[in-house]
Amino acid sequence: MADDSFDDQTWESFKPDAARAIRATQTFEDAVARTLDQPFDTRTHDGVAAALDELRAAAPAALRVSRLQMSGGA
């Protein structure tokens, strides 16, 4: 029998938090890659700044996800 350590409500709250954290991380990685490809194109710097703002905004969601993963184990 599978270990269902998350109830439905916990799982449903986990999904949007995880998606937000993943999107913010991917956005940041993409922005940094563009800047590394074109370091003297100042337009790419704005993308990194915006991605950092999104990471800051997503930090609470990422922390909630990390706590669920730690407490949801066997």
Protein backbone atom coordinates (compact mmCIF):
# COMPACT_ATOMS: atom_id res chain seq x y z
CA MET A 1 0.00 0.00 0.00
CA ALA A 2 1.35 3.44 -0.91
CA ASP A 3 2.20 5.90 1.84
CA ASP A 4 -0.15 8.86 1.35
CA SER A 5 1.61 11.31 3.64
CA PHE A 6 -0.19 14.36 2.20
CA ASP A 7 -3.91 14.84 2.56
CA ASP A 8 -5.81 16.33 -0.38
CA GLN A 9 -5.88 19.84 1.08
CA THR A 10 -2.13 19.83 1.72
CA TRP A 11 -1.46 18.49 -1.78
CA GLU A 12 -3.67 21.14 -3.39
CA SER A 13 -1.87 23.93 -1.51
CA PHE A 14 1.51 22.42 -2.41
CA LYS A 15 0.97 22.51 -6.18
CA PRO A 16 0.65 26.29 -6.70
CA ASP A 17 3.52 26.99 -4.30
CA ALA A 18 5.76 24.50 -6.06
CA ALA A 19 4.81 25.87 -9.47
CA ARG A 20 5.57 29.44 -8.39
CA ALA A 21 8.95 28.49 -6.95
CA ILE A 22 9.88 26.52 -10.08
CA ARG A 23 8.78 29.32 -12.43
CA ALA A 24 10.74 31.92 -10.45
CA THR A 25 13.85 29.75 -10.49
CA GLN A 26 13.57 29.10 -14.23
CA THR A 27 12.98 32.77 -14.97
CA PHE A 28 16.06 33.71 -12.97
CA GLU A 29 18.22 31.06 -14.64
CA ASP A 30 17.08 32.19 -18.10
CA ALA A 31 17.71 35.86 -17.31
CA VAL A 32 21.19 35.13 -16.00
CA ALA A 33 21.99 32.99 -19.04
CA ARG A 34 20.94 35.85 -21.37
CA THR A 35 23.12 38.25 -19.42
CA LEU A 36 26.09 35.89 -19.55
CA ASP A 37 25.61 35.58 -23.32
CA GLN A 38 25.48 39.37 -23.72
CA PRO A 39 27.05 40.91 -20.60
CA PHE A 40 27.32 44.43 -22.02
CA ASP A 41 23.75 44.62 -23.26
CA THR A 42 22.21 46.56 -20.39
CA ARG A 43 18.71 45.42 -21.39
CA THR A 44 19.64 41.96 -20.12
CA HIS A 45 20.51 43.48 -16.74
CA ASP A 46 16.91 44.61 -16.32
CA GLY A 47 15.78 41.03 -16.89
CA VAL A 48 18.01 39.82 -14.05
CA ALA A 49 16.69 42.55 -11.76
CA ALA A 50 13.08 41.59 -12.57
CA ALA A 51 13.89 37.90 -12.05
CA LEU A 52 15.41 38.70 -8.65
CA ASP A 53 12.22 40.52 -7.69
CA GLU A 54 10.23 37.42 -8.69
CA LEU A 55 12.55 35.19 -6.64
CA ARG A 56 12.02 37.43 -3.62
CA ALA A 57 8.26 37.30 -4.12
CA ALA A 58 8.32 33.50 -4.52
CA ALA A 59 10.52 32.88 -1.46
CA PRO A 60 7.60 32.34 0.96
CA ALA A 61 6.09 29.77 -1.43
CA ALA A 62 9.44 28.00 -1.76
CA LEU A 63 9.80 27.87 2.03
CA ARG A 64 6.32 26.36 2.38
CA VAL A 65 7.24 23.71 -0.20
CA SER A 66 10.49 22.86 1.58
CA ARG A 67 8.67 22.46 4.89
CA LEU A 68 6.05 20.18 3.33
CA GLN A 69 8.72 18.03 1.74
CA MET A 70 10.60 17.69 5.03
CA SER A 71 7.54 16.90 7.12
CA GLY A 72 5.83 14.78 4.46
CA GLY A 73 8.42 12.02 4.36
CA ALA A 74 8.07 8.51 5.71
